[in-house]
Amino acid sequence: MLLEPRETFEALRRDFRWKIPNDFNIGRVVADDWAAKHPARVCLQHFSPDGQHRSMTYGELASQSSALAEALTELGVARGDRVALLMPQCFETVIAHVAIYKMGAIALPLALLFGEEALEYRLRDAGACVIVTNSFGLQRLKAIKARLPALQTVISVDGPGPDVIGFRSMIEGRSGLFDIVESGPDTPALMIYTSGTTGPPKGALHGHRVLTGHIPGFQLAHDYLPQPGDKIWTPSDWAWAGGLLNALLPALMLGVPVVSSPAQKFDPHMAFRIMAEMKVRNAFIPPTALRLLKAVEKPREAYNLVLRSIGSAGESLGRETYEWVKTALGIVPNEFYGQTECNFVLSSAAHLGISKGGFIGKAVPGHEVAIIDAEGRELP
């Protein structure tokens, strides 16, 4: 499932083969497999505006996620149950994701920006039995919790409270050992709600193979990542397919450290500061955020950047922004395309000559993309 570098895009597509093992679990490949070989390897780094940045290793991620999986199992959470995550970018979000996958439950990421109505609809429609959140999320839940009979357990990373379990208390004092459930590529793992282009939002249910499906595009858009020193950051919420599947999980699977940052309104100067201080080499930055970065004049003079790749998706990048990135940052951005239901299927690849302004690329190796009619017939 990994790309083997070739001199041409055509050769890359020709030689690619899917090799997804029958026994496949997202939690194992993004944490435990690495922990078994390199427990001290850093997998997560959190940027703090006060300069007190923190790191987490694969060994710590594997141990703490196993402890949480054990605790959730003791609470009665079973295979196939939906566990909601109403969380910002932070270590606890990753720990919870990995724990959910290990125990065979289904992760339901939700954006903190959702209003009460949007939140209630998704929690009820999915039948979530547990939610992991913070103090901000608890305030949102107050008005709707009584109308969600399936939601039996509320966990807060900011500590316990009335009818709220503290996140840390579920992890501390445990062995950090957990028998990962048997799972395969099609075992349900993740439910992400679409924006509801037609009708109300709909939950797109993905199996564990969704992660492997993103690897070729992820490597293509970032010039054969992983390379020595690679480290990725995205301002995108990890509750969206973009932040979660275009950055966080693929990077962890490939051994690339992921930088997280506090939830806040996008600030171009802060974005450049994060990338400079944390020595970010790879970034996934949606077009709107890239356009906002233009407010910073001569960013390479103002900040000590070490960027080598930028991927962008979510809307059209546009020729003007494409040219600005080339000139101001010295990088050819790779625009790619996908949707919640079927993501990262088209991508640019500047290192292979597949790039120009206003162009979203070609079919990623392992994918066939075509225009079809109402009967499913391919059109010329």
Protein backbone atom coordinates (compact mmCIF):
# COMPACT_ATOMS: atom_id res chain seq x y z
CA MET A 1 0.00 0.00 0.00
CA LEU A 2 3.07 2.28 0.20
CA LEU A 3 4.30 4.16 -2.83
CA GLU A 4 7.61 3.00 -4.24
CA PRO A 5 9.27 6.05 -5.86
CA ARG A 6 9.33 6.09 -9.64
CA GLU A 7 10.66 8.58 -12.17
CA THR A 8 7.25 9.20 -13.76
CA PHE A 9 3.67 9.38 -12.59
CA GLU A 10 2.66 6.78 -15.17
CA ALA A 11 5.18 4.30 -13.77
CA LEU A 12 3.98 5.01 -10.25
CA ARG A 13 0.38 4.17 -11.18
CA ARG A 14 1.42 1.13 -13.20
CA ASP A 15 3.46 -0.47 -10.43
CA PHE A 16 1.25 0.31 -7.43
CA ARG A 17 -0.54 -2.58 -5.70
CA TRP A 18 -2.88 -2.63 -2.72
CA LYS A 19 -1.58 -4.95 0.00
CA ILE A 20 -3.94 -4.69 2.95
CA PRO A 21 -3.55 -7.52 5.49
CA ASN A 22 -6.65 -9.45 6.55
CA ASP A 23 -5.83 -8.62 10.16
CA PHE A 24 -5.74 -4.84 10.20
CA ASN A 25 -6.49 -2.38 13.01
CA ILE A 26 -5.93 1.37 12.86
CA GLY A 27 -5.07 1.52 16.56
CA ARG A 28 -2.32 -1.05 16.14
CA VAL A 29 -0.64 0.47 13.08
CA VAL A 30 -0.63 4.06 14.37
CA ALA A 31 0.60 3.21 17.87
CA ASP A 32 1.43 -0.32 19.02
CA ASP A 33 3.42 -1.45 15.98
CA TRP A 34 5.74 1.53 16.35
CA ALA A 35 5.84 1.20 20.15
CA ALA A 36 7.05 -2.39 19.82
CA LYS A 37 10.02 -1.30 17.69
CA HIS A 38 10.76 2.27 18.80
CA PRO A 39 8.93 3.09 22.05
CA ALA A 40 10.90 6.31 22.60
CA ARG A 41 10.18 7.66 19.11
CA VAL A 42 8.22 10.93 19.28
CA CYS A 43 4.85 10.76 17.57
CA LEU A 44 3.08 13.90 18.82
CA GLN A 45 4.21 17.41 19.72
CA HIS A 46 1.92 20.09 21.09
CA PHE A 47 2.65 23.75 20.43
CA SER A 48 2.02 26.09 23.36
CA PRO A 49 2.06 29.90 22.89
CA ASP A 50 4.12 30.23 26.09
CA GLY A 51 6.87 28.11 24.58
CA GLN A 52 6.28 25.15 26.91
CA HIS A 53 5.82 22.66 24.09
CA ARG A 54 5.12 19.02 24.99
CA SER A 55 5.89 15.71 23.31
CA MET A 56 4.46 12.19 23.41
CA THR A 57 6.17 8.99 22.30
CA TYR A 58 4.71 5.98 20.55
CA GLY A 59 5.29 3.99 23.72
CA GLU A 60 3.22 6.44 25.74
CA LEU A 61 0.48 6.56 23.11
CA ALA A 62 0.26 2.77 22.98
CA SER A 63 0.18 2.40 26.77
CA GLN A 64 -2.31 5.18 27.51
CA SER A 65 -4.67 4.20 24.70
CA SER A 66 -4.65 0.60 25.94
CA ALA A 67 -5.47 1.80 29.45
CA LEU A 68 -8.38 3.84 28.13
CA ALA A 69 -9.61 0.93 26.02
CA GLU A 70 -9.62 -1.25 29.14
CA ALA A 71 -11.53 1.40 31.11
CA LEU A 72 -14.13 1.86 28.37
CA THR A 73 -14.60 -1.90 28.17
CA GLU A 74 -15.26 -1.98 31.93
CA LEU A 75 -17.93 0.69 31.41
CA GLY A 76 -19.69 -1.67 29.02
CA VAL A 77 -18.61 -0.17 25.71
CA ALA A 78 -18.59 -2.99 23.17
CA ARG A 79 -17.59 -3.70 19.59
CA GLY A 80 -19.61 -1.54 17.21
CA ASP A 81 -20.65 1.03 19.83
CA ARG A 82 -20.28 4.66 18.79
CA VAL A 83 -17.97 6.80 20.93
CA ALA A 84 -18.15 10.52 20.20
CA LEU A 85 -15.14 12.84 20.34
CA LEU A 86 -15.93 16.53 20.82
CA MET A 87 -12.34 17.66 21.18
CA PRO A 88 -9.67 20.08 19.94
CA GLN A 89 -6.22 19.12 18.68
CA CYS A 90 -4.53 17.59 21.73
CA PHE A 91 -2.88 14.37 22.94
CA GLU A 92 -6.09 13.15 24.60
CA THR A 93 -7.93 13.24 21.27
CA VAL A 94 -5.37 10.89 19.74
CA ILE A 95 -5.35 8.62 22.80
CA ALA A 96 -9.14 8.32 22.59
CA HIS A 97 -9.14 7.62 18.85
CA VAL A 98 -6.56 4.86 19.22
CA ALA A 99 -8.38 3.31 22.19
CA ILE A 100 -11.67 3.21 20.29
CA TYR A 101 -10.10 1.47 17.30
CA LYS A 102 -8.29 -1.06 19.49
CA MET A 103 -11.51 -2.18 21.20
CA GLY A 104 -13.52 -2.45 17.98
CA ALA A 105 -15.81 0.47 18.73
CA ILE A 106 -16.56 3.25 16.22
CA ALA A 107 -15.08 6.73 16.57
CA LEU A 108 -17.50 9.61 15.96
CA PRO A 109 -15.47 12.84 15.66
CA LEU A 110 -17.48 16.04 16.14
CA ALA A 111 -16.37 19.64 15.65
CA LEU A 112 -16.35 21.99 18.64
CA LEU A 113 -17.81 24.69 16.42
CA PHE A 114 -21.08 22.76 16.06
CA GLY A 115 -24.09 24.44 17.62
CA GLU A 116 -26.46 22.58 19.92
CA GLU A 117 -28.82 21.56 17.10
CA ALA A 118 -26.06 20.15 14.89
CA LEU A 119 -24.49 18.34 17.82
CA GLU A 120 -27.76 16.84 19.02
CA TYR A 121 -28.67 15.62 15.54
CA ARG A 122 -25.38 13.77 15.04
CA LEU A 123 -25.28 12.26 18.52
CA ARG A 124 -28.85 11.02 18.25
CA ASP A 125 -28.58 9.81 14.66
CA ALA A 126 -25.38 7.88 15.42
CA GLY A 127 -26.70 6.51 18.72
CA ALA A 128 -23.51 7.47 20.55
CA CYS A 129 -23.28 5.87 24.00
CA VAL A 130 -20.16 7.72 25.20
CA ILE A 131 -18.71 11.15 24.55
CA VAL A 132 -15.20 12.39 25.31
CA THR A 133 -14.98 16.18 25.50
CA ASN A 134 -13.61 19.18 27.41
CA SER A 135 -15.16 21.95 29.52
CA PHE A 136 -16.25 23.86 26.41
CA GLY A 137 -17.99 20.78 25.04
CA LEU A 138 -19.69 20.14 28.38
CA GLN A 139 -21.38 23.53 28.13
CA ARG A 140 -22.77 22.56 24.73
CA LEU A 141 -24.01 19.24 26.10
CA LYS A 142 -25.92 20.73 29.03
CA ALA A 143 -28.92 21.80 26.96
CA ILE A 144 -29.24 18.59 24.94
CA LYS A 145 -28.07 15.71 27.17
CA ALA A 146 -31.58 14.98 28.49
CA ARG A 147 -32.81 14.43 24.93
CA LEU A 148 -30.13 11.83 24.19
CA PRO A 149 -31.16 8.63 26.02
CA ALA A 150 -28.45 6.53 24.35
CA LEU A 151 -25.68 8.80 25.67
CA GLN A 152 -24.94 7.12 28.99
CA THR A 153 -21.37 8.22 29.73
CA VAL A 154 -19.70 11.64 29.58
CA ILE A 155 -15.91 11.89 29.95
CA SER A 156 -14.05 15.18 30.29
CA VAL A 157 -10.33 15.79 29.78
CA ASP A 158 -10.68 18.76 32.16
CA GLY A 159 -11.55 16.55 35.12
CA PRO A 160 -14.61 15.01 36.78
CA GLY A 161 -17.86 16.72 37.69
CA PRO A 162 -21.53 15.92 38.31
CA ASP A 163 -22.28 12.90 36.09
CA VAL A 164 -18.91 13.42 34.37
CA ILE A 165 -15.91 11.06 34.56
CA GLY A 166 -12.41 12.50 34.50
CA PHE A 167 -10.32 11.33 31.53
CA ARG A 168 -7.06 10.95 33.46
CA SER A 169 -8.68 8.89 36.21
CA MET A 170 -9.61 6.31 33.58
CA ILE A 171 -5.98 5.87 32.56
CA GLU A 172 -3.96 6.22 35.74
CA GLY A 173 -3.04 3.11 37.69
CA ARG A 174 -3.64 0.68 34.83
CA SER A 175 -1.13 -1.69 33.27
CA GLY A 176 -1.33 -0.19 29.80
CA LEU A 177 -1.88 -3.63 28.30
CA PHE A 178 -4.91 -4.49 26.18
CA ASP A 179 -5.68 -7.29 23.78
CA ILE A 180 -6.61 -5.57 20.53
CA VAL A 181 -9.78 -7.08 19.09
CA GLU A 182 -9.68 -9.03 15.88
CA SER A 183 -10.52 -6.67 13.04
CA GLY A 184 -10.16 -6.59 9.30
CA PRO A 185 -10.18 -3.95 6.58
CA ASP A 186 -13.99 -3.82 6.49
CA THR A 187 -14.60 -3.83 10.25
CA PRO A 188 -16.39 -0.52 11.06
CA ALA A 189 -14.00 1.96 12.68
CA LEU A 190 -14.97 5.54 11.94
CA MET A 191 -18.14 7.53 11.26
CA ILE A 192 -17.79 11.06 9.90
CA TYR A 193 -20.85 13.13 9.08
CA THR A 194 -21.07 14.88 5.74
CA SER A 195 -22.19 18.48 5.56
CA GLY A 196 -25.51 17.39 4.09
CA THR A 197 -25.25 18.67 0.51
CA THR A 198 -28.66 17.11 -0.16
CA GLY A 199 -30.89 16.74 2.88
CA PRO A 200 -29.64 16.46 6.46
CA PRO A 201 -26.06 15.42 7.31
CA LYS A 202 -25.38 11.73 6.80
CA GLY A 203 -22.89 9.56 8.64
CA ALA A 204 -20.27 8.04 6.35
CA LEU A 205 -19.21 4.76 7.96
CA HIS A 206 -15.66 3.66 7.16
CA GLY A 207 -13.87 0.41 7.89
CA HIS A 208 -10.29 0.22 9.16
CA ARG A 209 -9.11 0.16 5.54
CA VAL A 210 -9.99 3.87 5.24
CA LEU A 211 -6.54 4.65 6.62
CA THR A 212 -4.71 2.53 4.07
CA GLY A 213 -6.82 4.13 1.35
CA HIS A 214 -5.33 7.53 2.21
CA ILE A 215 -1.67 6.49 2.25
CA PRO A 216 -0.87 6.70 -1.52
CA GLY A 217 -2.40 10.16 -1.88
CA PHE A 218 -0.79 11.37 1.33
CA GLN A 219 2.64 10.26 0.14
CA LEU A 220 2.05 11.68 -3.33
CA ALA A 221 1.00 15.13 -2.12
CA HIS A 222 4.03 15.34 0.19
CA ASP A 223 6.78 14.25 -2.20
CA TYR A 224 7.24 10.65 -1.07
CA LEU A 225 6.83 11.29 2.64
CA PRO A 226 8.31 10.02 4.94
CA GLN A 227 11.71 11.61 4.43
CA PRO A 228 14.29 12.23 7.19
CA GLY A 229 13.15 15.08 9.43
CA ASP A 230 9.56 15.13 8.20
CA LYS A 231 7.00 16.54 10.63
CA ILE A 232 3.44 17.59 9.79
CA TRP A 233 0.98 20.21 11.01
CA THR A 234 -2.49 21.24 9.91
CA PRO A 235 -4.76 24.01 11.17
CA SER A 236 -7.72 21.84 10.15
CA ASP A 237 -9.91 20.44 12.91
CA TRP A 238 -9.17 16.76 13.49
CA ALA A 239 -12.95 16.22 13.57
CA TRP A 240 -13.04 16.67 9.79
CA ALA A 241 -11.88 14.10 7.26
CA GLY A 242 -9.28 16.66 6.20
CA GLY A 243 -7.51 17.02 9.53
CA LEU A 244 -7.96 13.40 10.60
CA LEU A 245 -7.36 11.47 7.38
CA ASN A 246 -5.30 13.92 5.33
CA ALA A 247 -2.81 14.50 8.14
CA LEU A 248 -3.08 12.95 11.62
CA LEU A 249 -3.65 9.22 11.11
CA PRO A 250 -1.58 8.70 7.93
CA ALA A 251 1.37 10.52 9.50
CA LEU A 252 1.23 8.40 12.66
CA MET A 253 1.07 5.22 10.58
CA LEU A 254 4.15 6.28 8.62
CA GLY A 255 6.13 7.30 11.70
CA VAL A 256 5.98 11.04 11.02
CA PRO A 257 5.53 13.27 14.11
CA VAL A 258 2.33 15.32 14.18
CA VAL A 259 2.22 18.83 15.63
CA SER A 260 -0.99 19.87 17.37
CA SER A 261 -1.96 23.41 18.29
CA PRO A 262 -4.60 25.10 20.48
CA ALA A 263 -8.04 25.68 19.00
CA GLN A 264 -8.38 29.33 18.03
CA LYS A 265 -9.39 31.58 15.18
CA PHE A 266 -6.85 31.18 12.40
CA ASP A 267 -4.11 33.77 12.74
CA PRO A 268 -1.51 33.93 9.93
CA HIS A 269 1.32 35.14 12.15
CA MET A 270 0.61 32.42 14.71
CA ALA A 271 0.48 29.83 11.92
CA PHE A 272 3.95 30.84 10.71
CA ARG A 273 5.22 30.90 14.29
CA ILE A 274 3.95 27.34 14.85
CA MET A 275 5.58 26.08 11.67
CA ALA A 276 8.87 27.83 12.46
CA GLU A 277 9.19 26.96 16.17
CA MET A 278 8.08 23.35 15.73
CA LYS A 279 10.26 22.86 12.62
CA VAL A 280 7.31 21.71 10.53
CA ARG A 281 8.43 20.21 7.22
CA ASN A 282 5.04 19.23 5.82
CA ALA A 283 1.74 21.06 6.10
CA PHE A 284 -1.84 20.44 5.08
CA ILE A 285 -3.36 23.91 4.77
CA PRO A 286 -6.82 24.45 3.21
CA PRO A 287 -7.10 27.17 0.54
CA THR A 288 -8.91 29.67 2.79
CA ALA A 289 -6.08 29.49 5.33
CA LEU A 290 -3.44 29.80 2.59
CA ARG A 291 -5.14 32.95 1.36
CA LEU A 292 -5.06 34.39 4.89
CA LEU A 293 -1.31 33.72 5.07
CA LYS A 294 -0.84 36.37 2.38
CA ALA A 295 -1.28 38.99 5.12
CA VAL A 296 2.29 38.24 6.23
CA GLU A 297 4.82 40.00 4.04
CA LYS A 298 8.03 38.15 3.15
CA PRO A 299 7.31 35.21 5.51
CA ARG A 300 10.63 33.49 4.78
CA GLU A 301 12.46 36.56 6.06
CA ALA A 302 10.21 36.96 9.10
CA TYR A 303 10.22 33.30 10.15
CA ASN A 304 12.81 30.52 10.06
CA LEU A 305 10.75 28.08 8.01
CA VAL A 306 11.92 24.60 6.99
CA LEU A 307 8.85 23.61 4.97
CA ARG A 308 9.39 21.18 2.09
CA SER A 309 5.77 20.27 1.14
CA ILE A 310 2.30 21.81 1.32
CA GLY A 311 -0.89 19.97 0.47
CA SER A 312 -4.19 21.79 0.09
CA ALA A 313 -7.80 20.69 -0.36
CA GLY A 314 -11.35 21.40 0.76
CA GLU A 315 -12.15 23.96 -1.93
CA SER A 316 -10.52 25.28 -5.07
CA LEU A 317 -7.03 26.62 -4.41
CA GLY A 318 -7.11 29.01 -7.35
CA ARG A 319 -4.31 30.18 -9.61
CA GLU A 320 -3.50 33.36 -7.66
CA THR A 321 -2.96 31.58 -4.33
CA TYR A 322 -1.04 28.80 -6.06
CA GLU A 323 1.39 31.38 -7.51
CA TRP A 324 1.68 33.21 -4.17
CA VAL A 325 2.73 30.03 -2.36
CA LYS A 326 5.37 29.34 -5.03
CA THR A 327 6.78 32.86 -4.79
CA ALA A 328 6.43 33.63 -1.07
CA LEU A 329 7.20 30.20 0.37
CA GLY A 330 9.35 28.70 -2.36
CA ILE A 331 7.18 25.58 -2.53
CA VAL A 332 4.87 24.31 -5.24
CA PRO A 333 1.64 23.45 -3.39
CA ASN A 334 -0.02 20.16 -4.24
CA GLU A 335 -3.77 20.54 -4.53
CA PHE A 336 -5.82 17.38 -4.13
CA TYR A 337 -9.47 16.36 -4.04
CA GLY A 338 -11.78 14.11 -2.09
CA GLN A 339 -14.96 13.99 -0.05
CA THR A 340 -15.93 12.52 3.30
CA GLU A 341 -17.28 9.40 1.61
CA CYS A 342 -14.39 8.92 -0.84
CA ASN A 343 -11.34 10.97 -0.02
CA PHE A 344 -7.90 11.73 -1.52
CA VAL A 345 -8.65 10.25 -4.95
CA LEU A 346 -7.13 13.02 -7.09
CA SER A 347 -3.85 14.75 -6.37
CA SER A 348 -1.19 16.96 -7.85
CA ALA A 349 2.45 15.89 -7.59
CA ALA A 350 4.83 18.74 -8.35
CA HIS A 351 7.89 16.48 -7.97
CA LEU A 352 6.56 14.42 -10.90
CA GLY A 353 5.51 17.40 -13.02
CA ILE A 354 1.80 17.02 -12.21
CA SER A 355 1.02 20.56 -11.13
CA LYS A 356 -0.34 23.88 -12.32
CA GLY A 357 -2.56 26.63 -10.98
CA GLY A 358 -6.25 25.73 -10.86
CA PHE A 359 -5.52 22.01 -11.34
CA ILE A 360 -6.48 19.35 -8.77
CA GLY A 361 -4.31 16.62 -10.21
CA LYS A 362 -4.72 13.12 -11.55
CA ALA A 363 -6.11 9.89 -10.13
CA VAL A 364 -3.98 8.76 -7.19
CA PRO A 365 -2.28 5.36 -7.69
CA GLY A 366 -4.69 2.60 -6.73
CA HIS A 367 -7.74 4.62 -7.77
CA GLU A 368 -9.74 4.90 -10.96
CA VAL A 369 -11.59 8.18 -11.49
CA ALA A 370 -14.14 8.72 -14.26
CA ILE A 371 -17.23 10.70 -15.18
CA ILE A 372 -20.28 8.43 -15.43
CA ASP A 373 -23.88 8.84 -16.54
CA ALA A 374 -27.04 8.11 -14.53
CA GLU A 375 -26.73 4.39 -15.31
CA GLY A 376 -23.11 4.22 -14.17
CA ARG A 377 -21.61 4.05 -17.66
CA GLU A 378 -18.27 5.76 -18.12
CA LEU A 379 -18.39 8.80 -20.39
CA PRO A 380 -15.60 9.82 -22.78
